[in-house]
């Protein structure tokens, strides 16, 4: 359950980052910081997705073996 919360929090943060970056008054330095944070959130989301895929594969294998 905590992974879902973290995943959804990361997605929310990514949406906020995108909104901020789309504003015309964001300078280069701020854009770079936002981009860096967005990459970090994306990687964390991908790790959570990878873990979920492995769990699903494991469950499917267990179901097939039973």
PDB file of N, CA and C in Angstrom:
ATOM      1  N   UNK A   1       0.819  -1.195   0.000  1.00  0.00           N
ATOM      2  CA  UNK A   1       0.000   0.000   0.000  1.00  0.00           C
ATOM      3  C   UNK A   1       0.861   1.255   0.000  1.00  0.00           C
ATOM      4  N   UNK A   2       1.973   1.237   0.729  1.00  0.00           N
ATOM      5  CA  UNK A   2       2.825   2.425   0.785  1.00  0.00           C
ATOM      6  C   UNK A   2       3.465   2.706  -0.568  1.00  0.00           C
ATOM      7  N   UNK A   3       3.732   1.661  -1.362  1.00  0.00           N
ATOM      8  CA  UNK A   3       4.296   1.884  -2.694  1.00  0.00           C
ATOM      9  C   UNK A   3       3.305   2.634  -3.571  1.00  0.00           C
ATOM     10  N   UNK A   4       2.014   2.295  -3.457  1.00  0.00           N
ATOM     11  CA  UNK A   4       1.003   2.986  -4.248  1.00  0.00           C
ATOM     12  C   UNK A   4       0.956   4.450  -3.864  1.00  0.00           C
ATOM     13  N   UNK A   5       0.992   4.709  -2.566  1.00  0.00           N
ATOM     14  CA  UNK A   5       0.959   6.089  -2.102  1.00  0.00           C
ATOM     15  C   UNK A   5       2.186   6.842  -2.621  1.00  0.00           C
ATOM     16  N   UNK A   6       3.345   6.237  -2.522  1.00  0.00           N
ATOM     17  CA  UNK A   6       4.568   6.857  -3.013  1.00  0.00           C
ATOM     18  C   UNK A   6       4.483   7.072  -4.517  1.00  0.00           C
ATOM     19  N   UNK A   7       4.001   6.076  -5.239  1.00  0.00           N
ATOM     20  CA  UNK A   7       3.874   6.179  -6.685  1.00  0.00           C
ATOM     21  C   UNK A   7       2.951   7.334  -7.049  1.00  0.00           C
ATOM     22  N   UNK A   8       1.818   7.399  -6.394  1.00  0.00           N
ATOM     23  CA  UNK A   8       0.862   8.463  -6.700  1.00  0.00           C
ATOM     24  C   UNK A   8       1.388   9.822  -6.269  1.00  0.00           C
ATOM     25  N   UNK A   9       2.112   9.877  -5.166  1.00  0.00           N
ATOM     26  CA  UNK A   9       2.738  11.138  -4.750  1.00  0.00           C
ATOM     27  C   UNK A   9       3.760  11.591  -5.790  1.00  0.00           C
ATOM     28  N   UNK A  10       4.555  10.652  -6.283  1.00  0.00           N
ATOM     29  CA  UNK A  10       5.547  10.979  -7.310  1.00  0.00           C
ATOM     30  C   UNK A  10       4.870  11.482  -8.583  1.00  0.00           C
ATOM     31  N   UNK A  11       3.775  10.843  -8.979  1.00  0.00           N
ATOM     32  CA  UNK A  11       3.054  11.297 -10.167  1.00  0.00           C
ATOM     33  C   UNK A  11       2.502  12.702  -9.964  1.00  0.00           C
ATOM     34  N   UNK A  12       2.008  12.962  -8.776  1.00  0.00           N
ATOM     35  CA  UNK A  12       1.493  14.295  -8.462  1.00  0.00           C
ATOM     36  C   UNK A  12       2.609  15.334  -8.533  1.00  0.00           C
ATOM     37  N   UNK A  13       3.765  14.983  -7.991  1.00  0.00           N
ATOM     38  CA  UNK A  13       4.908  15.893  -8.051  1.00  0.00           C
ATOM     39  C   UNK A  13       5.339  16.132  -9.496  1.00  0.00           C
ATOM     40  N   UNK A  14       5.303  15.084 -10.306  1.00  0.00           N
ATOM     41  CA  UNK A  14       5.647  15.237 -11.723  1.00  0.00           C
ATOM     42  C   UNK A  14       4.673  16.186 -12.423  1.00  0.00           C
ATOM     43  N   UNK A  15       3.395  16.062 -12.112  1.00  0.00           N
ATOM     44  CA  UNK A  15       2.402  16.962 -12.708  1.00  0.00           C
ATOM     45  C   UNK A  15       2.672  18.407 -12.300  1.00  0.00           C
ATOM     46  N   UNK A  16       3.032  18.607 -11.037  1.00  0.00           N
ATOM     47  CA  UNK A  16       3.363  19.957 -10.560  1.00  0.00           C
ATOM     48  C   UNK A  16       4.593  20.507 -11.288  1.00  0.00           C
ATOM     49  N   UNK A  17       5.586  19.659 -11.459  1.00  0.00           N
ATOM     50  CA  UNK A  17       6.814  20.071 -12.149  1.00  0.00           C
ATOM     51  C   UNK A  17       6.503  20.482 -13.584  1.00  0.00           C
ATOM     52  N   UNK A  18       5.695  19.689 -14.257  1.00  0.00           N
ATOM     53  CA  UNK A  18       5.329  20.007 -15.640  1.00  0.00           C
ATOM     54  C   UNK A  18       4.607  21.346 -15.707  1.00  0.00           C
ATOM     55  N   UNK A  19       3.679  21.549 -14.794  1.00  0.00           N
ATOM     56  CA  UNK A  19       2.945  22.823 -14.770  1.00  0.00           C
ATOM     57  C   UNK A  19       3.885  24.000 -14.573  1.00  0.00           C
ATOM     58  N   UNK A  20       4.816  23.854 -13.645  1.00  0.00           N
ATOM     59  CA  UNK A  20       5.765  24.939 -13.383  1.00  0.00           C
ATOM     60  C   UNK A  20       6.657  25.198 -14.592  1.00  0.00           C
ATOM     61  N   UNK A  21       7.108  24.121 -15.242  1.00  0.00           N
ATOM     62  CA  UNK A  21       8.009  24.281 -16.386  1.00  0.00           C
ATOM     63  C   UNK A  21       7.303  24.895 -17.591  1.00  0.00           C
ATOM     64  N   UNK A  22       5.992  24.723 -17.668  1.00  0.00           N
ATOM     65  CA  UNK A  22       5.236  25.286 -18.782  1.00  0.00           C
ATOM     66  C   UNK A  22       5.006  26.787 -18.631  1.00  0.00           C
ATOM     67  N   UNK A  23       5.245  27.314 -17.438  1.00  0.00           N
ATOM     68  CA  UNK A  23       5.079  28.748 -17.220  1.00  0.00           C
ATOM     69  C   UNK A  23       6.234  29.493 -17.884  1.00  0.00           C
ATOM     70  N   UNK A  24       5.911  30.591 -18.515  1.00  0.00           N
ATOM     71  CA  UNK A  24       6.929  31.329 -19.265  1.00  0.00           C
ATOM     72  C   UNK A  24       7.891  32.112 -18.379  1.00  0.00           C
ATOM     73  N   UNK A  25       7.552  32.298 -17.103  1.00  0.00           N
ATOM     74  CA  UNK A  25       8.415  33.104 -16.232  1.00  0.00           C
ATOM     75  C   UNK A  25       9.448  32.287 -15.458  1.00  0.00           C
ATOM     76  N   UNK A  26       9.578  31.003 -15.770  1.00  0.00           N
ATOM     77  CA  UNK A  26      10.551  30.151 -15.086  1.00  0.00           C
ATOM     78  C   UNK A  26      11.903  30.327 -15.778  1.00  0.00           C
ATOM     79  N   UNK A  27      12.907  30.670 -14.994  1.00  0.00           N
ATOM     80  CA  UNK A  27      14.244  30.881 -15.541  1.00  0.00           C
ATOM     81  C   UNK A  27      14.977  29.580 -15.797  1.00  0.00           C
ATOM     82  N   UNK A  28      16.137  29.710 -16.396  1.00  0.00           N
ATOM     83  CA  UNK A  28      16.939  28.543 -16.757  1.00  0.00           C
ATOM     84  C   UNK A  28      17.346  27.736 -15.534  1.00  0.00           C
ATOM     85  N   UNK A  29      17.855  28.404 -14.508  1.00  0.00           N
ATOM     86  CA  UNK A  29      18.297  27.697 -13.296  1.00  0.00           C
ATOM     87  C   UNK A  29      17.146  26.908 -12.672  1.00  0.00           C
ATOM     88  N   UNK A  30      16.001  27.555 -12.542  1.00  0.00           N
ATOM     89  CA  UNK A  30      14.835  26.890 -11.954  1.00  0.00           C
ATOM     90  C   UNK A  30      14.368  25.743 -12.841  1.00  0.00           C
ATOM     91  N   UNK A  31      14.397  25.947 -14.145  1.00  0.00           N
ATOM     92  CA  UNK A  31      14.008  24.883 -15.081  1.00  0.00           C
ATOM     93  C   UNK A  31      14.907  23.664 -14.931  1.00  0.00           C
ATOM     94  N   UNK A  32      16.198  23.890 -14.785  1.00  0.00           N
ATOM     95  CA  UNK A  32      17.138  22.776 -14.611  1.00  0.00           C
ATOM     96  C   UNK A  32      16.877  22.028 -13.310  1.00  0.00           C
ATOM     97  N   UNK A  33      16.597  22.765 -12.241  1.00  0.00           N
ATOM     98  CA  UNK A  33      16.285  22.124 -10.955  1.00  0.00           C
ATOM     99  C   UNK A  33      15.004  21.306 -11.061  1.00  0.00           C
ATOM    100  N   UNK A  34      14.004  21.887 -11.695  1.00  0.00           N
ATOM    101  CA  UNK A  34      12.738  21.175 -11.873  1.00  0.00           C
ATOM    102  C   UNK A  34      12.933  19.927 -12.726  1.00  0.00           C
ATOM    103  N   UNK A  35      13.704  20.055 -13.800  1.00  0.00           N
ATOM    104  CA  UNK A  35      13.971  18.921 -14.682  1.00  0.00           C
ATOM    105  C   UNK A  35      14.677  17.803 -13.913  1.00  0.00           C
ATOM    106  N   UNK A  36      15.686  18.175 -13.140  1.00  0.00           N
ATOM    107  CA  UNK A  36      16.426  17.189 -12.354  1.00  0.00           C
ATOM    108  C   UNK A  36      15.506  16.471 -11.368  1.00  0.00           C
ATOM    109  N   UNK A  37      14.655  17.223 -10.708  1.00  0.00           N
ATOM    110  CA  UNK A  37      13.719  16.620  -9.757  1.00  0.00           C
ATOM    111  C   UNK A  37      12.721  15.720 -10.496  1.00  0.00           C
ATOM    112  N   UNK A  38      12.291  16.154 -11.670  1.00  0.00           N
ATOM    113  CA  UNK A  38      11.375  15.344 -12.467  1.00  0.00           C
ATOM    114  C   UNK A  38      11.991  14.020 -12.885  1.00  0.00           C
ATOM    115  N   UNK A  39      13.256  14.050 -13.267  1.00  0.00           N
ATOM    116  CA  UNK A  39      13.961  12.814 -13.629  1.00  0.00           C
ATOM    117  C   UNK A  39      14.027  11.876 -12.426  1.00  0.00           C
ATOM    118  N   UNK A  40      14.310  12.434 -11.260  1.00  0.00           N
ATOM    119  CA  UNK A  40      14.371  11.627 -10.035  1.00  0.00           C
ATOM    120  C   UNK A  40      13.015  10.973  -9.758  1.00  0.00           C
ATOM    121  N   UNK A  41      11.941  11.734  -9.875  1.00  0.00           N
ATOM    122  CA  UNK A  41      10.599  11.197  -9.632  1.00  0.00           C
ATOM    123  C   UNK A  41      10.256  10.119 -10.656  1.00  0.00           C
ATOM    124  N   UNK A  42      10.653  10.342 -11.909  1.00  0.00           N
ATOM    125  CA  UNK A  42      10.397   9.365 -12.966  1.00  0.00           C
ATOM    126  C   UNK A  42      11.117   8.050 -12.676  1.00  0.00           C
ATOM    127  N   UNK A  43      12.364   8.137 -12.255  1.00  0.00           N
ATOM    128  CA  UNK A  43      13.135   6.924 -11.934  1.00  0.00           C
ATOM    129  C   UNK A  43      12.523   6.179 -10.756  1.00  0.00           C
ATOM    130  N   UNK A  44      12.083   6.921  -9.745  1.00  0.00           N
ATOM    131  CA  UNK A  44      11.452   6.275  -8.595  1.00  0.00           C
ATOM    132  C   UNK A  44      10.158   5.580  -9.010  1.00  0.00           C
ATOM    133  N   UNK A  45       9.377   6.234  -9.860  1.00  0.00           N
ATOM    134  CA  UNK A  45       8.151   5.608 -10.366  1.00  0.00           C
ATOM    135  C   UNK A  45       8.476   4.337 -11.142  1.00  0.00           C
ATOM    136  N   UNK A  46       9.513   4.382 -11.971  1.00  0.00           N
ATOM    137  CA  UNK A  46       9.888   3.211 -12.760  1.00  0.00           C
ATOM    138  C   UNK A  46      10.305   2.051 -11.862  1.00  0.00           C
ATOM    139  N   UNK A  47      11.020   2.343 -10.780  1.00  0.00           N
ATOM    140  CA  UNK A  47      11.402   1.289  -9.834  1.00  0.00           C
ATOM    141  C   UNK A  47      10.168   0.635  -9.224  1.00  0.00           C
ATOM    142  N   UNK A  48       9.183   1.447  -8.876  1.00  0.00           N
ATOM    143  CA  UNK A  48       7.952   0.918  -8.285  1.00  0.00           C
ATOM    144  C   UNK A  48       7.203   0.068  -9.304  1.00  0.00           C
ATOM    145  N   UNK A  49       7.148   0.530 -10.550  1.00  0.00           N
ATOM    146  CA  UNK A  49       6.486  -0.235 -11.610  1.00  0.00           C
ATOM    147  C   UNK A  49       7.211  -1.557 -11.842  1.00  0.00           C
ATOM    148  N   UNK A  50       8.535  -1.530 -11.876  1.00  0.00           N
ATOM    149  CA  UNK A  50       9.319  -2.757 -12.060  1.00  0.00           C
ATOM    150  C   UNK A  50       9.048  -3.755 -10.940  1.00  0.00           C
ATOM    151  N   UNK A  51       8.987  -3.266  -9.706  1.00  0.00           N
ATOM    152  CA  UNK A  51       8.714  -4.146  -8.563  1.00  0.00           C
ATOM    153  C   UNK A  51       7.313  -4.742  -8.669  1.00  0.00           C
ATOM    154  N   UNK A  52       6.356  -3.947  -9.101  1.00  0.00           N
ATOM    155  CA  UNK A  52       4.986  -4.440  -9.260  1.00  0.00           C
ATOM    156  C   UNK A  52       4.925  -5.505 -10.350  1.00  0.00           C
ATOM    157  N   UNK A  53       5.639  -5.286 -11.453  1.00  0.00           N
ATOM    158  CA  UNK A  53       5.672  -6.275 -12.532  1.00  0.00           C
ATOM    159  C   UNK A  53       6.256  -7.597 -12.045  1.00  0.00           C
ATOM    160  N   UNK A  54       7.335  -7.525 -11.268  1.00  0.00           N
ATOM    161  CA  UNK A  54       7.947  -8.746 -10.742  1.00  0.00           C
ATOM    162  C   UNK A  54       6.983  -9.477  -9.819  1.00  0.00           C
ATOM    163  N   UNK A  55       6.262  -8.730  -9.011  1.00  0.00           N
ATOM    164  CA  UNK A  55       5.303  -9.352  -8.097  1.00  0.00           C
ATOM    165  C   UNK A  55       4.184 -10.027  -8.884  1.00  0.00           C
ATOM    166  N   UNK A  56       3.692  -9.364  -9.912  1.00  0.00           N
ATOM    167  CA  UNK A  56       2.636  -9.943 -10.746  1.00  0.00           C
ATOM    168  C   UNK A  56       3.139 -11.205 -11.438  1.00  0.00           C
ATOM    169  N   UNK A  57       4.353 -11.152 -11.980  1.00  0.00           N
ATOM    170  CA  UNK A  57       4.929 -12.335 -12.628  1.00  0.00           C
ATOM    171  C   UNK A  57       5.060 -13.487 -11.638  1.00  0.00           C
ATOM    172  N   UNK A  58       5.476 -13.173 -10.424  1.00  0.00           N
ATOM    173  CA  UNK A  58       5.611 -14.195  -9.391  1.00  0.00           C
ATOM    174  C   UNK A  58       4.256 -14.813  -9.055  1.00  0.00           C
ATOM    175  N   UNK A  59       3.257 -13.973  -8.917  1.00  0.00           N
ATOM    176  CA  UNK A  59       1.915 -14.469  -8.614  1.00  0.00           C
ATOM    177  C   UNK A  59       1.368 -15.317  -9.752  1.00  0.00           C
ATOM    178  N   UNK A  60       1.629 -14.900 -10.979  1.00  0.00           N
ATOM    179  CA  UNK A  60       1.169 -15.669 -12.131  1.00  0.00           C
ATOM    180  C   UNK A  60       1.869 -17.027 -12.185  1.00  0.00           C
ATOM    181  N   UNK A  61       3.154 -17.058 -11.875  1.00  0.00           N
ATOM    182  CA  UNK A  61       3.909 -18.307 -11.857  1.00  0.00           C
ATOM    183  C   UNK A  61       3.371 -19.233 -10.773  1.00  0.00           C
ATOM    184  N   UNK A  62       3.106 -18.686  -9.602  1.00  0.00           N
ATOM    185  CA  UNK A  62       2.552 -19.484  -8.506  1.00  0.00           C
ATOM    186  C   UNK A  62       1.196 -20.059  -8.891  1.00  0.00           C
ATOM    187  N   UNK A  63       0.379 -19.252  -9.550  1.00  0.00           N
ATOM    188  CA  UNK A  63      -0.947 -19.701  -9.954  1.00  0.00           C
ATOM    189  C   UNK A  63      -0.834 -20.819 -10.987  1.00  0.00           C
ATOM    190  N   UNK A  64       0.105 -20.688 -11.908  1.00  0.00           N
ATOM    191  CA  UNK A  64       0.304 -21.696 -12.945  1.00  0.00           C
ATOM    192  C   UNK A  64       0.801 -23.005 -12.341  1.00  0.00           C
ATOM    193  N   UNK A  65       1.656 -22.907 -11.328  1.00  0.00           N
ATOM    194  CA  UNK A  65       2.228 -24.099 -10.702  1.00  0.00           C
ATOM    195  C   UNK A  65       1.238 -24.823  -9.801  1.00  0.00           C
ATOM    196  N   UNK A  66       0.186 -24.162  -9.407  1.00  0.00           N
ATOM    197  CA  UNK A  66      -0.798 -24.809  -8.514  1.00  0.00           C
ATOM    198  C   UNK A  66      -1.860 -25.438  -9.299  1.00  0.00           C
TER     199      UNK A  66
END
